Amino acid sequence: AGLVDRRDLPSMQTVVTTAVTELIDGPL
């Protein structure tokens, strides 16, 4: 709906993928 800028609210798939990547091989 564009209620929030998509750059500030990425898709849930992107968030989960980023979390997994950062936990496996990243500073997280």
PDB file of all heavy atoms in Angstrom:
ATOM      1  N   ALA A   1       0.815  -1.218   0.000  1.00  0.00           N
ATOM      2  CA  ALA A   1       0.000   0.000   0.000  1.00  0.00           C
ATOM      3  C   ALA A   1       0.850   1.270   0.000  1.00  0.00           C
ATOM      4  O   ALA A   1       0.316   2.364  -0.173  1.00  0.00           O
ATOM      5  CB  ALA A   1      -0.925  -0.005   1.219  1.00  0.00           C
ATOM      6  N   GLY A   2       2.136   1.127   0.218  1.00  0.00           N
ATOM      7  CA  GLY A   2       3.014   2.293   0.218  1.00  0.00           C
ATOM      8  C   GLY A   2       2.876   3.163   1.447  1.00  0.00           C
ATOM      9  O   GLY A   2       3.231   4.346   1.418  1.00  0.00           O
ATOM     10  N   LEU A   3       2.357   2.590   2.537  1.00  0.00           N
ATOM     11  CA  LEU A   3       2.212   3.366   3.763  1.00  0.00           C
ATOM     12  C   LEU A   3       3.570   3.703   4.380  1.00  0.00           C
ATOM     13  O   LEU A   3       3.694   4.676   5.123  1.00  0.00           O
ATOM     14  CB  LEU A   3       1.359   2.592   4.770  1.00  0.00           C
ATOM     15  CG  LEU A   3      -0.078   2.274   4.328  1.00  0.00           C
ATOM     16  CD1 LEU A   3      -0.797   1.458   5.388  1.00  0.00           C
ATOM     17  CD2 LEU A   3      -0.838   3.561   4.022  1.00  0.00           C
ATOM     18  N   VAL A   4       4.561   2.862   4.099  1.00  0.00           N
ATOM     19  CA  VAL A   4       5.923   3.089   4.561  1.00  0.00           C
ATOM     20  C   VAL A   4       6.855   2.916   3.366  1.00  0.00           C
ATOM     21  O   VAL A   4       6.624   2.055   2.507  1.00  0.00           O
ATOM     22  CB  VAL A   4       6.312   2.085   5.677  1.00  0.00           C
ATOM     23  CG1 VAL A   4       7.755   2.304   6.123  1.00  0.00           C
ATOM     24  CG2 VAL A   4       5.371   2.229   6.863  1.00  0.00           C
ATOM     25  N   ASP A   5       7.874   3.755   3.311  1.00  0.00           N
ATOM     26  CA  ASP A   5       8.856   3.650   2.230  1.00  0.00           C
ATOM     27  C   ASP A   5       9.432   2.232   2.190  1.00  0.00           C
ATOM     28  O   ASP A   5       9.906   1.722   3.198  1.00  0.00           O
ATOM     29  CB  ASP A   5       9.986   4.664   2.454  1.00  0.00           C
ATOM     30  CG  ASP A   5      10.860   4.821   1.215  1.00  0.00           C
ATOM     31  OD1 ASP A   5      11.041   3.827   0.475  1.00  0.00           O
ATOM     32  OD2 ASP A   5      11.360   5.941   0.982  1.00  0.00           O
ATOM     33  N   ARG A   6       9.388   1.613   1.018  1.00  0.00           N
ATOM     34  CA  ARG A   6       9.861   0.233   0.899  1.00  0.00           C
ATOM     35  C   ARG A   6      11.344   0.106   1.213  1.00  0.00           C
ATOM     36  O   ARG A   6      11.815  -0.978   1.563  1.00  0.00           O
ATOM     37  CB  ARG A   6       9.580  -0.287  -0.507  1.00  0.00           C
ATOM     38  CG  ARG A   6       8.088  -0.431  -0.815  1.00  0.00           C
ATOM     39  CD  ARG A   6       7.870  -1.166  -2.116  1.00  0.00           C
ATOM     40  NE  ARG A   6       6.447  -1.343  -2.385  1.00  0.00           N
ATOM     41  CZ  ARG A   6       5.968  -2.043  -3.408  1.00  0.00           C
ATOM     42  NH1 ARG A   6       6.816  -2.634  -4.248  1.00  0.00           N
ATOM     43  NH2 ARG A   6       4.675  -2.153  -3.601  1.00  0.00           N
ATOM     44  N   ARG A   7      12.087   1.189   1.064  1.00  0.00           N
ATOM     45  CA  ARG A   7      13.503   1.138   1.419  1.00  0.00           C
ATOM     46  C   ARG A   7      13.684   0.994   2.926  1.00  0.00           C
ATOM     47  O   ARG A   7      14.707   0.466   3.390  1.00  0.00           O
ATOM     48  CB  ARG A   7      14.218   2.390   0.918  1.00  0.00           C
ATOM     49  CG  ARG A   7      14.293   2.501  -0.604  1.00  0.00           C
ATOM     50  CD  ARG A   7      14.841   3.837  -1.021  1.00  0.00           C
ATOM     51  NE  ARG A   7      13.953   4.923  -0.616  1.00  0.00           N
ATOM     52  CZ  ARG A   7      14.163   6.220  -0.877  1.00  0.00           C
ATOM     53  NH1 ARG A   7      15.274   6.576  -1.534  1.00  0.00           N
ATOM     54  NH2 ARG A   7      13.306   7.132  -0.488  1.00  0.00           N
ATOM     55  N   ASP A   8      12.713   1.484   3.680  1.00  0.00           N
ATOM     56  CA  ASP A   8      12.776   1.372   5.141  1.00  0.00           C
ATOM     57  C   ASP A   8      12.076   0.117   5.658  1.00  0.00           C
ATOM     58  O   ASP A   8      12.262  -0.254   6.816  1.00  0.00           O
ATOM     59  CB  ASP A   8      12.137   2.599   5.793  1.00  0.00           C
ATOM     60  CG  ASP A   8      12.855   3.883   5.428  1.00  0.00           C
ATOM     61  OD1 ASP A   8      14.084   3.833   5.253  1.00  0.00           O
ATOM     62  OD2 ASP A   8      12.183   4.933   5.328  1.00  0.00           O
ATOM     63  N   LEU A   9      11.280  -0.507   4.812  1.00  0.00           N
ATOM     64  CA  LEU A   9      10.528  -1.696   5.221  1.00  0.00           C
ATOM     65  C   LEU A   9      10.693  -2.769   4.149  1.00  0.00           C
ATOM     66  O   LEU A   9       9.808  -2.975   3.314  1.00  0.00           O
ATOM     67  CB  LEU A   9       9.046  -1.357   5.419  1.00  0.00           C
ATOM     68  CG  LEU A   9       8.205  -2.419   6.140  1.00  0.00           C
ATOM     69  CD1 LEU A   9       8.624  -2.523   7.596  1.00  0.00           C
ATOM     70  CD2 LEU A   9       6.716  -2.070   6.051  1.00  0.00           C
ATOM     71  N   PRO A  10      11.826  -3.453   4.154  1.00  0.00           N
ATOM     72  CA  PRO A  10      12.050  -4.496   3.150  1.00  0.00           C
ATOM     73  C   PRO A  10      11.085  -5.663   3.334  1.00  0.00           C
ATOM     74  O   PRO A  10      10.439  -5.795   4.377  1.00  0.00           O
ATOM     75  CB  PRO A  10      13.495  -4.928   3.404  1.00  0.00           C
ATOM     76  CG  PRO A  10      13.791  -4.504   4.788  1.00  0.00           C
ATOM     77  CD  PRO A  10      12.947  -3.319   5.087  1.00  0.00           C
ATOM     78  N   SER A  11      10.993  -6.497   2.315  1.00  0.00           N
ATOM     79  CA  SER A  11      10.105  -7.653   2.406  1.00  0.00           C
ATOM     80  C   SER A  11      10.570  -8.593   3.516  1.00  0.00           C
ATOM     81  O   SER A  11      11.750  -8.633   3.868  1.00  0.00           O
ATOM     82  CB  SER A  11      10.077  -8.397   1.070  1.00  0.00           C
ATOM     83  OG  SER A  11      11.329  -8.994   0.807  1.00  0.00           O
ATOM     84  N   MET A  12       9.621  -9.365   4.024  1.00  0.00           N
ATOM     85  CA  MET A  12       9.965 -10.300   5.090  1.00  0.00           C
ATOM     86  C   MET A  12      10.969 -11.339   4.610  1.00  0.00           C
ATOM     87  O   MET A  12      11.843 -11.778   5.358  1.00  0.00           O
ATOM     88  CB  MET A  12       8.693 -10.977   5.612  1.00  0.00           C
ATOM     89  CG  MET A  12       8.932 -11.909   6.781  1.00  0.00           C
ATOM     90  SD  MET A  12       9.779 -11.125   8.189  1.00  0.00           S
ATOM     91  CE  MET A  12       8.567  -9.882   8.650  1.00  0.00           C
ATOM     92  N   GLN A  13      10.860 -11.728   3.339  1.00  0.00           N
ATOM     93  CA  GLN A  13      11.821 -12.675   2.788  1.00  0.00           C
ATOM     94  C   GLN A  13      13.237 -12.110   2.821  1.00  0.00           C
ATOM     95  O   GLN A  13      14.190 -12.805   3.174  1.00  0.00           O
ATOM     96  CB  GLN A  13      11.436 -13.038   1.351  1.00  0.00           C
ATOM     97  CG  GLN A  13      12.388 -14.044   0.701  1.00  0.00           C
ATOM     98  CD  GLN A  13      11.983 -14.383  -0.718  1.00  0.00           C
ATOM     99  OE1 GLN A  13      10.975 -13.894  -1.224  1.00  0.00           O
ATOM    100  NE2 GLN A  13      12.776 -15.221  -1.375  1.00  0.00           N
ATOM    101  N   THR A  14      13.355 -10.826   2.484  1.00  0.00           N
ATOM    102  CA  THR A  14      14.664 -10.171   2.516  1.00  0.00           C
ATOM    103  C   THR A  14      15.210 -10.111   3.936  1.00  0.00           C
ATOM    104  O   THR A  14      16.401 -10.351   4.174  1.00  0.00           O
ATOM    105  CB  THR A  14      14.570  -8.751   1.934  1.00  0.00           C
ATOM    106  OG1 THR A  14      14.096  -8.821   0.584  1.00  0.00           O
ATOM    107  CG2 THR A  14      15.918  -8.053   1.968  1.00  0.00           C
ATOM    108  N   VAL A  15      14.349  -9.794   4.882  1.00  0.00           N
ATOM    109  CA  VAL A  15      14.769  -9.698   6.282  1.00  0.00           C
ATOM    110  C   VAL A  15      15.261 -11.065   6.785  1.00  0.00           C
ATOM    111  O   VAL A  15      16.322 -11.165   7.419  1.00  0.00           O
ATOM    112  CB  VAL A  15      13.615  -9.184   7.162  1.00  0.00           C
ATOM    113  CG1 VAL A  15      13.992  -9.253   8.635  1.00  0.00           C
ATOM    114  CG2 VAL A  15      13.245  -7.762   6.780  1.00  0.00           C
ATOM    115  N   VAL A  16      14.480 -12.101   6.516  1.00  0.00           N
ATOM    116  CA  VAL A  16      14.856 -13.445   6.979  1.00  0.00           C
ATOM    117  C   VAL A  16      16.145 -13.902   6.312  1.00  0.00           C
ATOM    118  O   VAL A  16      17.054 -14.448   6.972  1.00  0.00           O
ATOM    119  CB  VAL A  16      13.719 -14.445   6.698  1.00  0.00           C
ATOM    120  CG1 VAL A  16      14.167 -15.868   7.015  1.00  0.00           C
ATOM    121  CG2 VAL A  16      12.479 -14.089   7.510  1.00  0.00           C
ATOM    122  N   THR A  17      16.257 -13.670   5.007  1.00  0.00           N
ATOM    123  CA  THR A  17      17.473 -14.065   4.287  1.00  0.00           C
ATOM    124  C   THR A  17      18.691 -13.335   4.828  1.00  0.00           C
ATOM    125  O   THR A  17      19.760 -13.926   5.020  1.00  0.00           O
ATOM    126  CB  THR A  17      17.320 -13.772   2.784  1.00  0.00           C
ATOM    127  OG1 THR A  17      16.183 -14.473   2.273  1.00  0.00           O
ATOM    128  CG2 THR A  17      18.564 -14.196   2.030  1.00  0.00           C
ATOM    129  N   THR A  18      18.532 -12.042   5.092  1.00  0.00           N
ATOM    130  CA  THR A  18      19.640 -11.255   5.638  1.00  0.00           C
ATOM    131  C   THR A  18      20.037 -11.759   7.017  1.00  0.00           C
ATOM    132  O   THR A  18      21.229 -11.881   7.332  1.00  0.00           O
ATOM    133  CB  THR A  18      19.248  -9.768   5.718  1.00  0.00           C
ATOM    134  OG1 THR A  18      18.904  -9.292   4.409  1.00  0.00           O
ATOM    135  CG2 THR A  18      20.400  -8.934   6.269  1.00  0.00           C
ATOM    136  N   ALA A  19      19.044 -12.057   7.842  1.00  0.00           N
ATOM    137  CA  ALA A  19      19.338 -12.550   9.191  1.00  0.00           C
ATOM    138  C   ALA A  19      20.099 -13.867   9.135  1.00  0.00           C
ATOM    139  O   ALA A  19      21.098 -14.052   9.854  1.00  0.00           O
ATOM    140  CB  ALA A  19      18.037 -12.722   9.976  1.00  0.00           C
ATOM    141  N   VAL A  20      19.655 -14.782   8.283  1.00  0.00           N
ATOM    142  CA  VAL A  20      20.335 -16.078   8.168  1.00  0.00           C
ATOM    143  C   VAL A  20      21.762 -15.898   7.666  1.00  0.00           C
ATOM    144  O   VAL A  20      22.714 -16.488   8.191  1.00  0.00           O
ATOM    145  CB  VAL A  20      19.539 -17.016   7.234  1.00  0.00           C
ATOM    146  CG1 VAL A  20      20.326 -18.289   6.963  1.00  0.00           C
ATOM    147  CG2 VAL A  20      18.181 -17.345   7.830  1.00  0.00           C
ATOM    148  N   THR A  21      21.920 -15.052   6.648  1.00  0.00           N
ATOM    149  CA  THR A  21      23.253 -14.822   6.078  1.00  0.00           C
ATOM    150  C   THR A  21      24.188 -14.195   7.101  1.00  0.00           C
ATOM    151  O   THR A  21      25.344 -14.613   7.254  1.00  0.00           O
ATOM    152  CB  THR A  21      23.148 -13.907   4.845  1.00  0.00           C
ATOM    153  OG1 THR A  21      22.282 -14.505   3.876  1.00  0.00           O
ATOM    154  CG2 THR A  21      24.519 -13.680   4.227  1.00  0.00           C
ATOM    155  N   GLU A  22      23.693 -13.192   7.822  1.00  0.00           N
ATOM    156  CA  GLU A  22      24.526 -12.500   8.801  1.00  0.00           C
ATOM    157  C   GLU A  22      24.854 -13.385  10.006  1.00  0.00           C
ATOM    158  O   GLU A  22      25.884 -13.205  10.652  1.00  0.00           O
ATOM    159  CB  GLU A  22      23.809 -11.234   9.278  1.00  0.00           C
ATOM    160  CG  GLU A  22      23.682 -10.150   8.222  1.00  0.00           C
ATOM    161  CD  GLU A  22      25.014  -9.458   7.966  1.00  0.00           C
ATOM    162  OE1 GLU A  22      25.510  -8.777   8.867  1.00  0.00           O
ATOM    163  OE2 GLU A  22      25.544  -9.633   6.855  1.00  0.00           O
ATOM    164  N   LEU A  23      23.966 -14.319  10.305  1.00  0.00           N
ATOM    165  CA  LEU A  23      24.223 -15.228  11.423  1.00  0.00           C
ATOM    166  C   LEU A  23      25.197 -16.338  11.036  1.00  0.00           C
ATOM    167  O   LEU A  23      25.972 -16.808  11.866  1.00  0.00           O
ATOM    168  CB  LEU A  23      22.915 -15.838  11.918  1.00  0.00           C
ATOM    169  CG  LEU A  23      22.017 -14.928  12.765  1.00  0.00           C
ATOM    170  CD1 LEU A  23      20.669 -15.586  12.993  1.00  0.00           C
ATOM    171  CD2 LEU A  23      22.678 -14.601  14.093  1.00  0.00           C
ATOM    172  N   ILE A  24      25.142 -16.759   9.787  1.00  0.00           N
ATOM    173  CA  ILE A  24      26.036 -17.827   9.333  1.00  0.00           C
ATOM    174  C   ILE A  24      27.438 -17.295   9.065  1.00  0.00           C
ATOM    175  O   ILE A  24      28.438 -17.887   9.498  1.00  0.00           O
ATOM    176  CB  ILE A  24      25.466 -18.502   8.074  1.00  0.00           C
ATOM    177  CG1 ILE A  24      24.172 -19.247   8.408  1.00  0.00           C
ATOM    178  CG2 ILE A  24      26.493 -19.474   7.473  1.00  0.00           C
ATOM    179  CD1 ILE A  24      23.496 -19.869   7.215  1.00  0.00           C
ATOM    180  N   ASP A  25      27.525 -16.205   8.339  1.00  0.00           N
ATOM    181  CA  ASP A  25      28.831 -15.679   7.956  1.00  0.00           C
ATOM    182  C   ASP A  25      28.784 -14.158   7.949  1.00  0.00           C
ATOM    183  O   ASP A  25      28.834 -13.515   6.893  1.00  0.00           O
ATOM    184  CB  ASP A  25      29.234 -16.211   6.574  1.00  0.00           C
ATOM    185  CG  ASP A  25      30.653 -15.823   6.195  1.00  0.00           C
ATOM    186  OD1 ASP A  25      31.440 -15.530   7.107  1.00  0.00           O
ATOM    187  OD2 ASP A  25      30.969 -15.803   4.979  1.00  0.00           O
ATOM    188  N   GLY A  26      28.645 -13.573   9.121  1.00  0.00           N
ATOM    189  CA  GLY A  26      28.552 -12.127   9.219  1.00  0.00           C
ATOM    190  C   GLY A  26      28.737 -11.646  10.639  1.00  0.00           C
ATOM    191  O   GLY A  26      28.838 -12.450  11.576  1.00  0.00           O
ATOM    192  N   PRO A  27      28.747 -10.338  10.843  1.00  0.00           N
ATOM    193  CA  PRO A  27      28.990  -9.783  12.179  1.00  0.00           C
ATOM    194  C   PRO A  27      27.860 -10.008  13.171  1.00  0.00           C
ATOM    195  O   PRO A  27      28.061  -9.864  14.373  1.00  0.00           O
ATOM    196  CB  PRO A  27      29.179  -8.288  11.897  1.00  0.00           C
ATOM    197  CG  PRO A  27      28.461  -8.041  10.610  1.00  0.00           C
ATOM    198  CD  PRO A  27      28.621  -9.291   9.806  1.00  0.00           C
ATOM    199  N   LEU A  28      26.676 -10.376  12.675  1.00  0.00           N
ATOM    200  CA  LEU A  28      25.557 -10.575  13.603  1.00  0.00           C
ATOM    201  C   LEU A  28      25.815 -11.770  14.521  1.00  0.00           C
ATOM    202  O   LEU A  28      25.382 -11.775  15.674  1.00  0.00           O
ATOM    203  CB  LEU A  28      24.258 -10.768  12.818  1.00  0.00           C
ATOM    204  CG  LEU A  28      22.965 -10.846  13.646  1.00  0.00           C
ATOM    205  CD1 LEU A  28      22.826  -9.652  14.568  1.00  0.00           C
ATOM    206  CD2 LEU A  28      21.750 -10.971  12.723  1.00  0.00           C
TER     207      LEU A  28
END
